[in-house]
Amino acid sequence: MLRYWDLHENYQYALKLKLLLHFATQKSRVSKLDKSISKLYLLDLDSLLPVIKPLYSDLGRPAKNQQSIIRSLVLMLDRQNYSITNWAQEVASDPLYFDLCGFEGSAPSVASYYDFLVRLWQSSQKLHVRRKLKNKRFTSKPKKKLKKNEKIPSRKPGSVKRLVEKALDGKLRNFCPERIMQKLLKHCVVDVSAKMGILGDVNAFSFAGDGSPYYSGASHYGVKTCNCRSKGIFNCSCPRRFSDPDAKWGWDSYREQWFFGSTLYGITASDSPYDLPIYLKSVQASRHDSVSTIFAFEDIKALYPDFKLKKFLADGAMDNYPTYEYLNNNEINPFIPLDARSNNKLKYPDPSIQCFDDKGRPICPGGIPYVDWGYSKPKGIKLRCWFAVHGQEPPKECKCSESAYGRVVYLKPDYDLRLFPLVHRDSDEFKETFKRRSSVERSFKKIFVDYCVESYDSQSNRLRFSLATFAAINTHLDAWIKHEKFSFYKLLEQAA
């Protein structure tokens, strides 16, 4: 039963009164914690009630301190503490932290923190325990290393195409245990950031997507449950019990090594000056990013129906025809470079154009790529002769038009959605827009480096994702303080 849910304005009023006492006794410490206090003061949890209330029944002992536990977890990562057990004890023994979180009476136990996180994870706890105790086959670390910046190939060729077909028909089944935490991120900070205007234009929303390895703190060896050792067999292949049954082997293309854990897939507002994440999802480390992208698209449309998705920025891992088809059906412009390992040959209707370069530009008979010259509706993407654009006379063997304007070629996007996107890859608009793709990488840097979520060494996928979500909330709160130039300490000085 969920009964206690206090309004944010009541929390703010009580916080001012309590911190006036701390201000009088430990002024220097309050000043040092100004940014942390400002975060919790601005974090409005009122809109989260419709999301949290269905997680509790109408019977039993009323739950309390749920809002305070959320603030406490936000403060935990802000203070670079990565043990819920140690943090719960510290909050209980520190009156300032206790008042910052908004606790009343006694501080909650460690079990209360974990119970709350279990409720936020929409996967049956009994199922999780059974999976944890169920023996699995041991999988050794792969020996073959991939090339630099290379992704793990898809295990099932054609899987993206099948997923796109189901998504366009409205039949895509999406098991998403992190759904509540995604709503937590949306209601707590993303909606407020959108109103503040620091996500970019939501009526022509530009977003970037990518995956990042998330290392598990568990051992990939597991625990043997067989009696082979007593028989003198030490290298058996019998099933073992693993503390992190969801962890898989994946390839870390940045560090160029195999890792044991999961992949954190993120969507970032690419036009945001603060590189703010709006969506996170935990997937298997062995899953290709192109597969995760289709599920992410469906989740984004459901979570943010008021956002008009306009531009999608991604790396070459998403360079496949089904993804372009999905984006075209949803009227989203792709900003995806051509994969250098792909085959860009195309049988074009004009026999004089035999091939295209790595940017999708047609090559003239003289071997020179045509120059992008904008979009001409309804003819398509307009390209002109390189020599004519630069005001030079073409060589005799390369001259294909008597006009001083040079030869003009039109490419229609509907002829090949992948090679001829609406915004051509050689245009200035594509180049300037694609520079913002790295916003998703900077967002991951804040989560994994600034807030060091891997320092927890968690052996649970649920807990790993929870830490990443609260780290993402912290990045939004950092942006609010910087954007509004807000300081609670100054507010407290005026009140004092």
Protein backbone atom coordinates (compact mmCIF):
# COMPACT_ATOMS: atom_id res chain seq x y z
CA MET A 1 0.00 0.00 0.00
CA LEU A 2 1.30 3.44 -0.93
CA ARG A 3 -0.14 6.14 1.31
CA TYR A 4 2.53 8.72 1.98
CA TRP A 5 3.30 10.96 -1.00
CA ASP A 6 4.10 14.52 -0.05
CA LEU A 7 3.96 17.47 -2.47
CA HIS A 8 7.24 18.87 -3.70
CA GLU A 9 6.49 22.35 -2.42
CA ASN A 10 6.05 20.90 1.08
CA TYR A 11 9.43 19.18 0.80
CA GLN A 12 11.05 22.45 -0.33
CA TYR A 13 9.51 24.38 2.55
CA ALA A 14 10.61 21.76 5.12
CA LEU A 15 14.10 21.60 3.60
CA LYS A 16 14.59 25.35 4.01
CA LEU A 17 13.61 25.21 7.67
CA LYS A 18 15.81 22.21 8.45
CA LEU A 19 18.86 23.56 6.63
CA LEU A 20 18.61 26.89 8.44
CA LEU A 21 19.56 24.95 11.58
CA HIS A 22 22.45 23.18 9.79
CA PHE A 23 23.48 26.53 8.31
CA ALA A 24 23.94 27.91 11.79
CA THR A 25 26.03 24.95 13.05
CA GLN A 26 27.96 23.73 9.97
CA LYS A 27 27.93 26.56 7.46
CA SER A 28 31.07 25.45 5.61
CA ARG A 29 29.70 21.96 4.98
CA VAL A 30 26.38 23.29 3.69
CA SER A 31 28.35 25.56 1.35
CA LYS A 32 30.41 22.61 0.14
CA LEU A 33 27.25 20.57 -0.55
CA ASP A 34 25.53 23.44 -2.36
CA LYS A 35 25.30 21.65 -5.73
CA SER A 36 24.01 18.42 -4.16
CA ILE A 37 21.38 20.28 -2.16
CA SER A 38 20.35 22.31 -5.21
CA LYS A 39 19.77 19.11 -7.17
CA LEU A 40 17.35 17.66 -4.62
CA TYR A 41 15.65 21.01 -4.16
CA LEU A 42 14.87 21.19 -7.90
CA LEU A 43 13.96 17.51 -8.34
CA ASP A 44 10.15 17.50 -8.46
CA LEU A 45 8.69 13.99 -7.98
CA ASP A 46 4.99 14.97 -8.00
CA SER A 47 4.39 13.69 -11.56
CA LEU A 48 5.82 10.29 -10.59
CA LEU A 49 2.87 9.28 -8.39
CA PRO A 50 0.77 7.71 -11.23
CA VAL A 51 3.80 5.60 -12.16
CA ILE A 52 4.71 4.41 -8.66
CA LYS A 53 1.24 3.89 -7.15
CA PRO A 54 0.25 0.85 -9.34
CA LEU A 55 3.34 -0.97 -8.05
CA TYR A 56 1.73 -1.27 -4.60
CA SER A 57 -1.42 -3.11 -3.57
CA ASP A 58 -4.30 -1.65 -1.57
CA LEU A 59 -3.63 -3.99 1.35
CA GLY A 60 -0.91 -4.42 3.91
CA ARG A 61 1.33 -2.02 5.75
CA PRO A 62 1.54 1.42 4.09
CA ALA A 63 4.85 2.11 2.35
CA LYS A 64 6.61 5.34 3.24
CA ASN A 65 9.74 7.23 2.30
CA GLN A 66 9.53 6.19 -1.37
CA GLN A 67 10.15 9.75 -2.56
CA SER A 68 12.97 10.09 -0.06
CA ILE A 69 14.57 6.85 -1.25
CA ILE A 70 14.65 8.23 -4.81
CA ARG A 71 16.33 11.41 -3.56
CA SER A 72 18.71 9.32 -1.48
CA LEU A 73 19.81 7.23 -4.49
CA VAL A 74 20.33 10.40 -6.54
CA LEU A 75 22.42 11.84 -3.71
CA MET A 76 24.35 8.57 -3.33
CA LEU A 77 25.73 8.78 -6.87
CA ASP A 78 26.30 12.50 -6.57
CA ARG A 79 28.48 11.87 -3.51
CA GLN A 80 30.40 9.11 -5.34
CA ASN A 81 29.22 6.36 -3.01
CA TYR A 82 28.71 2.98 -4.70
CA SER A 83 27.41 0.73 -1.94
CA ILE A 84 23.74 0.91 -0.99
CA THR A 85 24.55 -0.91 2.25
CA ASN A 86 27.18 1.63 3.29
CA TRP A 87 25.09 4.54 2.04
CA ALA A 88 21.99 3.53 4.00
CA GLN A 89 24.08 3.42 7.17
CA GLU A 90 25.69 6.78 6.38
CA VAL A 91 22.34 8.49 5.79
CA ALA A 92 20.98 7.05 9.06
CA SER A 93 23.95 8.41 11.01
CA ASP A 94 24.31 11.79 9.27
CA PRO A 95 21.56 14.30 10.21
CA LEU A 96 22.34 16.55 7.22
CA TYR A 97 22.00 13.74 4.66
CA PHE A 98 18.92 12.51 6.51
CA ASP A 99 17.22 15.90 6.17
CA LEU A 100 18.35 16.38 2.57
CA CYS A 101 16.59 13.18 1.51
CA GLY A 102 13.43 14.23 3.32
CA PHE A 103 13.16 11.25 5.69
CA GLU A 104 10.82 11.46 8.65
CA GLY A 105 11.07 9.40 11.81
CA SER A 106 13.72 6.76 11.24
CA ALA A 107 15.87 6.14 8.18
CA PRO A 108 14.90 3.13 6.01
CA SER A 109 16.93 -0.04 6.19
CA VAL A 110 19.06 -1.42 3.39
CA ALA A 111 16.27 -3.88 2.57
CA SER A 112 13.89 -0.97 1.88
CA TYR A 113 16.22 0.35 -0.82
CA TYR A 114 16.48 -3.01 -2.54
CA ASP A 115 12.76 -3.69 -2.21
CA PHE A 116 12.03 -0.40 -3.96
CA LEU A 117 14.42 -1.18 -6.83
CA VAL A 118 12.85 -4.63 -7.23
CA ARG A 119 9.43 -3.01 -7.61
CA LEU A 120 10.78 -0.69 -10.30
CA TRP A 121 12.07 -3.65 -12.28
CA GLN A 122 9.10 -5.24 -14.10
CA SER A 123 10.45 -8.77 -14.00
CA SER A 124 9.12 -11.31 -11.55
CA GLN A 125 11.41 -11.67 -8.55
CA LYS A 126 10.62 -15.38 -8.39
CA LEU A 127 11.58 -15.74 -12.04
CA HIS A 128 14.84 -13.89 -11.35
CA VAL A 129 15.68 -16.21 -8.44
CA ARG A 130 14.89 -19.31 -10.50
CA ARG A 131 17.09 -18.08 -13.33
CA LYS A 132 19.87 -17.34 -10.87
CA LEU A 133 19.72 -20.79 -9.31
CA LYS A 134 19.22 -22.57 -12.61
CA ASN A 135 22.40 -24.14 -13.91
CA LYS A 136 23.69 -22.90 -17.26
CA ARG A 137 26.37 -24.09 -19.61
CA PHE A 138 29.77 -22.49 -19.13
CA THR A 139 30.83 -20.24 -22.01
CA SER A 140 34.51 -19.45 -22.18
CA LYS A 141 35.91 -16.13 -23.28
CA PRO A 142 36.07 -15.92 -27.10
CA LYS A 143 39.60 -16.20 -28.43
CA LYS A 144 39.16 -14.48 -31.78
CA LYS A 145 39.55 -10.71 -31.53
CA LEU A 146 37.68 -8.39 -33.84
CA LYS A 147 39.16 -5.47 -35.73
CA LYS A 148 39.24 -1.93 -34.40
CA ASN A 149 35.77 -0.30 -34.23
CA GLU A 150 34.23 -3.55 -35.47
CA LYS A 151 30.92 -4.72 -34.02
CA ILE A 152 29.85 -8.27 -33.27
CA PRO A 153 28.01 -9.53 -36.36
CA SER A 154 24.34 -10.33 -35.98
CA ARG A 155 23.78 -13.94 -34.92
CA LYS A 156 20.65 -14.26 -37.07
CA PRO A 157 20.97 -12.66 -40.52
CA GLY A 158 17.79 -10.88 -41.54
CA SER A 159 16.64 -10.33 -37.94
CA VAL A 160 16.44 -6.54 -38.37
CA LYS A 161 14.26 -6.94 -41.44
CA ARG A 162 11.85 -9.25 -39.60
CA LEU A 163 11.68 -6.87 -36.64
CA VAL A 164 10.97 -3.89 -38.89
CA GLU A 165 8.17 -5.76 -40.64
CA LYS A 166 6.59 -6.61 -37.29
CA ALA A 167 7.04 -3.05 -36.00
CA LEU A 168 5.41 -1.52 -39.08
CA ASP A 169 2.50 -3.96 -38.70
CA GLY A 170 2.19 -3.12 -35.00
CA LYS A 171 3.00 -6.69 -33.98
CA LEU A 172 6.45 -6.24 -32.39
CA ARG A 173 6.63 -7.98 -29.01
CA ASN A 174 8.82 -5.98 -26.68
CA PHE A 175 9.60 -7.44 -23.27
CA CYS A 176 10.89 -4.46 -21.33
CA PRO A 177 11.47 -5.01 -17.59
CA GLU A 178 13.04 -1.55 -17.33
CA ARG A 179 9.83 0.19 -18.47
CA ILE A 180 9.11 1.76 -15.04
CA MET A 181 12.64 3.11 -14.77
CA GLN A 182 12.33 4.59 -18.25
CA LYS A 183 9.17 6.37 -17.07
CA LEU A 184 11.05 7.43 -13.93
CA LEU A 185 13.65 9.14 -16.13
CA LYS A 186 10.93 10.72 -18.29
CA HIS A 187 8.70 12.10 -15.53
CA CYS A 188 11.47 13.14 -13.14
CA VAL A 189 13.74 15.06 -15.49
CA VAL A 190 13.22 14.68 -19.26
CA ASP A 191 9.80 16.38 -19.34
CA VAL A 192 11.15 19.26 -17.27
CA SER A 193 14.25 19.58 -19.48
CA ALA A 194 11.98 19.73 -22.53
CA LYS A 195 9.96 22.58 -20.97
CA MET A 196 13.19 24.39 -20.15
CA GLY A 197 14.19 24.16 -23.82
CA ILE A 198 17.52 22.40 -23.21
CA LEU A 199 16.64 19.31 -25.30
CA GLY A 200 16.35 21.24 -28.56
CA ASP A 201 13.19 21.70 -30.59
CA VAL A 202 10.79 18.88 -29.63
CA ASN A 203 8.62 19.76 -32.67
CA ALA A 204 11.54 18.80 -34.92
CA PHE A 205 13.40 16.54 -32.53
CA SER A 206 16.90 15.37 -33.37
CA PHE A 207 18.20 12.33 -31.48
CA ALA A 208 21.26 10.09 -31.53
CA GLY A 209 21.48 6.42 -30.55
CA ASP A 210 24.28 4.00 -29.69
CA GLY A 211 25.23 1.19 -27.34
CA SER A 212 27.98 1.07 -24.72
CA PRO A 213 29.45 -1.95 -22.90
CA TYR A 214 28.46 -2.28 -19.25
CA TYR A 215 30.81 -4.60 -17.37
CA SER A 216 29.42 -6.98 -14.78
CA GLY A 217 31.03 -7.46 -11.40
CA ALA A 218 30.34 -11.21 -11.52
CA SER A 219 32.74 -13.92 -12.57
CA HIS A 220 32.09 -15.63 -15.88
CA TYR A 221 33.37 -18.94 -14.47
CA GLY A 222 30.35 -19.58 -12.28
CA VAL A 223 30.16 -22.20 -9.53
CA LYS A 224 30.35 -25.90 -10.31
CA THR A 225 27.52 -27.99 -8.91
CA CYS A 226 28.61 -31.36 -10.30
CA ASN A 227 30.82 -33.99 -8.66
CA CYS A 228 33.31 -34.20 -11.54
CA ARG A 229 36.14 -32.90 -9.39
CA SER A 230 35.82 -35.86 -7.02
CA LYS A 231 36.19 -38.12 -10.05
CA GLY A 232 39.40 -36.41 -11.12
CA ILE A 233 37.74 -34.43 -13.93
CA PHE A 234 38.70 -30.78 -13.55
CA ASN A 235 37.85 -29.39 -16.98
CA CYS A 236 34.26 -30.55 -17.35
CA SER A 237 31.53 -28.86 -19.38
CA CYS A 238 28.69 -29.51 -16.92
CA PRO A 239 26.15 -26.74 -16.21
CA ARG A 240 27.16 -24.24 -13.52
CA ARG A 241 25.40 -21.73 -11.30
CA PHE A 242 26.04 -18.07 -12.10
CA SER A 243 25.48 -15.07 -9.85
CA ASP A 244 24.70 -12.92 -12.90
CA PRO A 245 22.71 -15.16 -15.26
CA ASP A 246 21.86 -12.28 -17.62
CA ALA A 247 25.49 -11.41 -18.38
CA LYS A 248 26.94 -12.44 -21.76
CA TRP A 249 30.18 -12.05 -23.65
CA GLY A 250 30.40 -8.96 -25.82
CA TRP A 251 33.03 -7.04 -27.75
CA ASP A 252 34.22 -3.66 -26.49
CA SER A 253 35.27 -1.94 -29.72
CA TYR A 254 36.73 1.07 -27.87
CA ARG A 255 39.07 -0.94 -25.63
CA GLU A 256 39.39 -3.70 -28.25
CA GLN A 257 38.69 -6.51 -25.81
CA TRP A 258 35.96 -8.97 -24.84
CA PHE A 259 33.88 -8.11 -21.79
CA PHE A 260 31.38 -9.99 -19.62
CA GLY A 261 28.21 -8.07 -18.85
CA SER A 262 25.49 -6.29 -20.81
CA THR A 263 25.09 -3.40 -23.24
CA LEU A 264 23.54 -0.11 -22.22
CA TYR A 265 21.71 1.30 -25.22
CA GLY A 266 20.99 5.02 -25.03
CA ILE A 267 19.12 7.72 -26.94
CA THR A 268 20.34 11.30 -26.50
CA ALA A 269 18.86 14.65 -27.50
CA SER A 270 21.56 15.52 -30.03
CA ASP A 271 20.63 19.22 -30.22
CA SER A 272 20.94 19.59 -26.47
CA PRO A 273 23.95 21.73 -25.44
CA TYR A 274 24.29 19.44 -22.40
CA ASP A 275 24.14 16.04 -24.21
CA LEU A 276 21.17 14.84 -22.17
CA PRO A 277 19.93 11.23 -22.33
CA ILE A 278 16.19 10.67 -22.77
CA TYR A 279 16.10 6.87 -22.99
CA LEU A 280 18.10 3.91 -21.68
CA LYS A 281 17.69 0.19 -22.22
CA SER A 282 19.69 -2.80 -21.03
CA VAL A 283 20.28 -5.50 -23.67
CA GLN A 284 22.47 -8.57 -24.02
CA ALA A 285 26.12 -7.83 -24.71
CA SER A 286 26.01 -10.10 -27.76
CA ARG A 287 23.11 -8.22 -29.38
CA HIS A 288 23.86 -6.05 -32.40
CA ASP A 289 23.03 -2.35 -32.02
CA SER A 290 20.86 -2.41 -35.15
CA VAL A 291 18.49 -4.82 -33.39
CA SER A 292 18.34 -2.69 -30.23
CA THR A 293 17.59 0.39 -32.34
CA ILE A 294 14.26 -0.96 -33.63
CA PHE A 295 13.03 -1.70 -30.09
CA ALA A 296 14.27 1.73 -28.97
CA PHE A 297 12.29 3.45 -31.74
CA GLU A 298 9.07 1.80 -30.61
CA ASP A 299 9.75 2.68 -26.97
CA ILE A 300 10.55 6.30 -27.79
CA LYS A 301 7.31 6.75 -29.73
CA ALA A 302 5.33 5.35 -26.80
CA LEU A 303 7.18 7.29 -24.08
CA TYR A 304 7.24 10.64 -25.87
CA PRO A 305 4.13 10.95 -28.04
CA ASP A 306 4.45 14.77 -27.99
CA PHE A 307 7.94 14.69 -29.53
CA LYS A 308 7.99 15.06 -33.31
CA LEU A 309 10.91 12.81 -34.28
CA LYS A 310 12.69 14.40 -37.22
CA LYS A 311 16.37 13.39 -37.37
CA PHE A 312 18.13 10.21 -36.29
CA LEU A 313 21.92 10.21 -35.95
CA ALA A 314 23.83 6.93 -35.70
CA ASP A 315 27.05 5.23 -36.72
CA GLY A 316 27.58 2.70 -39.51
CA ALA A 317 26.19 -0.16 -37.38
CA MET A 318 22.69 1.04 -38.29
CA ASP A 319 23.49 1.23 -42.02
CA ASN A 320 21.03 -1.37 -43.32
CA TYR A 321 18.00 -1.21 -45.60
CA PRO A 322 15.35 -2.26 -43.01
CA THR A 323 16.34 0.61 -40.70
CA TYR A 324 16.04 3.12 -43.54
CA GLU A 325 12.65 1.66 -44.42
CA TYR A 326 11.47 2.06 -40.83
CA LEU A 327 12.71 5.65 -40.65
CA ASN A 328 11.10 6.49 -43.99
CA ASN A 329 7.73 5.12 -42.84
CA ASN A 330 7.94 7.26 -39.71
CA GLU A 331 9.07 10.36 -41.64
CA ILE A 332 12.44 10.50 -39.86
CA ASN A 333 15.49 11.71 -41.78
CA PRO A 334 18.49 9.36 -41.36
CA PHE A 335 21.96 10.76 -40.73
CA ILE A 336 23.91 7.53 -40.98
CA PRO A 337 27.24 7.13 -42.82
CA LEU A 338 27.66 4.30 -45.28
CA ASP A 339 29.41 1.28 -43.85
CA ALA A 340 32.86 1.10 -45.47
CA ARG A 341 32.61 -2.70 -45.64
CA SER A 342 29.31 -2.66 -47.51
CA ASN A 343 28.79 -2.96 -51.24
CA ASN A 344 27.63 0.36 -52.68
CA LYS A 345 27.20 -0.77 -56.27
CA LEU A 346 23.83 0.02 -57.76
CA LYS A 347 22.35 -0.49 -61.20
CA TYR A 348 21.19 3.06 -61.88
CA PRO A 349 18.80 3.80 -64.79
CA ASP A 350 21.32 6.18 -66.39
CA PRO A 351 23.94 3.95 -68.14
CA SER A 352 26.58 6.70 -67.91
CA ILE A 353 26.63 6.34 -64.11
CA GLN A 354 28.32 3.07 -63.26
CA CYS A 355 29.18 3.41 -59.58
CA PHE A 356 28.97 5.50 -56.39
CA ASP A 357 31.53 6.50 -53.81
CA ASP A 358 31.42 5.93 -50.03
CA LYS A 359 29.19 8.99 -49.56
CA GLY A 360 26.58 7.88 -52.08
CA ARG A 361 27.73 10.35 -54.76
CA PRO A 362 27.58 9.15 -58.36
CA ILE A 363 30.88 9.00 -60.24
CA CYS A 364 31.07 10.67 -63.66
CA PRO A 365 32.65 8.85 -66.65
CA GLY A 366 35.88 10.75 -65.92
CA GLY A 367 36.06 9.27 -62.42
CA ILE A 368 35.13 12.48 -60.54
CA PRO A 369 32.24 12.49 -58.00
CA TYR A 370 29.41 14.91 -58.64
CA VAL A 371 28.90 17.74 -56.14
CA ASP A 372 25.78 17.99 -53.99
CA TRP A 373 23.67 21.01 -54.94
CA GLY A 374 20.71 20.75 -52.59
CA TYR A 375 17.27 19.22 -53.00
CA SER A 376 14.97 20.08 -55.89
CA LYS A 377 11.38 19.03 -55.31
CA PRO A 378 9.96 16.91 -56.92
CA LYS A 379 13.00 15.89 -58.99
CA GLY A 380 15.11 14.80 -56.01
CA ILE A 381 18.69 15.38 -54.84
CA LYS A 382 20.50 17.64 -57.27
CA LEU A 383 24.16 17.09 -58.13
CA ARG A 384 26.35 19.04 -60.55
CA CYS A 385 29.61 18.51 -62.40
CA TRP A 386 32.63 19.17 -60.17
CA PHE A 387 34.40 21.31 -62.75
CA ALA A 388 31.33 23.47 -63.42
CA VAL A 389 30.82 24.10 -59.70
CA HIS A 390 34.44 25.25 -59.33
CA GLY A 391 34.36 27.34 -62.53
CA GLN A 392 36.93 25.21 -64.37
CA GLU A 393 36.96 23.80 -67.86
CA PRO A 394 36.79 19.97 -67.72
CA PRO A 395 39.29 17.88 -69.67
CA LYS A 396 38.17 16.67 -73.08
CA GLU A 397 37.92 13.07 -71.95
CA CYS A 398 35.77 14.15 -68.96
CA LYS A 399 33.53 16.71 -70.63
CA CYS A 400 29.96 15.39 -70.80
CA SER A 401 27.98 18.62 -71.34
CA GLU A 402 28.35 21.67 -73.54
CA SER A 403 26.53 23.85 -71.01
CA ALA A 404 28.57 26.19 -68.80
CA TYR A 405 26.35 25.08 -65.92
CA GLY A 406 27.68 21.56 -66.34
CA ARG A 407 25.85 18.29 -66.30
CA VAL A 408 23.15 17.84 -63.67
CA VAL A 409 22.13 14.50 -62.12
CA TYR A 410 19.02 13.96 -59.98
CA LEU A 411 18.79 11.17 -57.41
CA LYS A 412 15.40 10.24 -56.01
CA PRO A 413 15.43 9.00 -52.39
CA ASP A 414 12.62 6.53 -53.03
CA TYR A 415 14.78 4.76 -55.62
CA ASP A 416 17.24 3.64 -52.90
CA LEU A 417 16.55 4.88 -49.37
CA ARG A 418 19.98 3.89 -48.16
CA LEU A 419 22.21 5.37 -50.88
CA PHE A 420 20.06 8.44 -51.49
CA PRO A 421 18.78 9.81 -48.15
CA LEU A 422 16.70 12.97 -48.24
CA VAL A 423 19.69 14.92 -46.87
CA HIS A 424 22.62 13.82 -49.03
CA ARG A 425 25.76 12.69 -47.21
CA ASP A 426 27.96 15.14 -49.10
CA SER A 427 25.82 18.18 -48.20
CA ASP A 428 26.81 20.77 -45.60
CA GLU A 429 23.60 20.08 -43.69
CA PHE A 430 24.49 16.40 -43.30
CA LYS A 431 28.05 17.18 -42.19
CA GLU A 432 27.00 19.79 -39.64
CA THR A 433 24.16 17.66 -38.26
CA PHE A 434 26.24 14.48 -38.04
CA LYS A 435 28.80 16.24 -35.84
CA ARG A 436 26.22 16.03 -33.06
CA ARG A 437 26.16 12.23 -33.17
CA SER A 438 28.96 12.16 -30.62
CA SER A 439 26.51 13.60 -28.06
CA VAL A 440 25.44 10.06 -27.19
CA GLU A 441 29.08 9.13 -26.50
CA ARG A 442 29.53 12.18 -24.27
CA SER A 443 26.35 11.17 -22.46
CA PHE A 444 27.83 7.71 -21.79
CA LYS A 445 31.02 9.39 -20.59
CA LYS A 446 29.04 11.23 -17.91
CA ILE A 447 27.35 8.02 -16.78
CA PHE A 448 30.39 5.73 -16.79
CA VAL A 449 33.21 8.16 -15.97
CA ASP A 450 31.76 11.15 -14.12
CA TYR A 451 29.39 9.02 -12.03
CA CYS A 452 31.46 5.82 -12.20
CA VAL A 453 28.50 3.43 -12.13
CA GLU A 454 30.78 0.46 -12.86
CA SER A 455 32.57 1.05 -9.55
CA TYR A 456 29.69 -0.74 -7.83
CA ASP A 457 30.77 -4.04 -9.47
CA SER A 458 27.17 -5.14 -9.47
CA GLN A 459 26.30 -8.76 -10.18
CA SER A 460 22.71 -7.93 -11.08
CA ASN A 461 21.45 -6.52 -14.36
CA ARG A 462 18.62 -4.86 -12.46
CA LEU A 463 20.96 -3.00 -10.15
CA ARG A 464 23.34 -2.03 -12.96
CA PHE A 465 20.50 -0.45 -14.92
CA SER A 466 19.15 1.26 -11.81
CA LEU A 467 22.50 2.93 -11.17
CA ALA A 468 22.71 4.03 -14.81
CA THR A 469 19.21 5.54 -14.58
CA PHE A 470 19.99 7.54 -11.44
CA ALA A 471 23.25 8.67 -13.01
CA ALA A 472 21.26 9.90 -16.05
CA ILE A 473 18.93 11.78 -13.69
CA ASN A 474 21.99 13.42 -12.15
CA THR A 475 23.20 14.60 -15.56
CA HIS A 476 19.87 16.37 -16.12
CA LEU A 477 20.03 17.98 -12.68
CA ASP A 478 23.58 19.17 -13.41
CA ALA A 479 22.29 20.77 -16.61
CA TRP A 480 19.41 22.49 -14.77
CA ILE A 481 21.76 24.08 -12.26
CA LYS A 482 24.14 25.22 -14.97
CA HIS A 483 21.35 26.49 -17.23
CA GLU A 484 19.44 28.32 -14.49
CA LYS A 485 22.60 29.28 -12.53
CA PHE A 486 20.76 28.14 -9.43
CA SER A 487 22.36 28.01 -5.97
CA PHE A 488 20.46 26.85 -2.90
CA TYR A 489 23.19 28.25 -0.65
CA LYS A 490 22.47 31.78 -1.88
CA LEU A 491 18.78 31.19 -1.29
CA LEU A 492 19.56 30.01 2.22
CA GLU A 493 21.79 33.01 2.92
CA GLN A 494 18.96 35.36 2.01
CA ALA A 495 16.55 33.45 4.27
CA ALA A 496 19.06 33.51 7.13
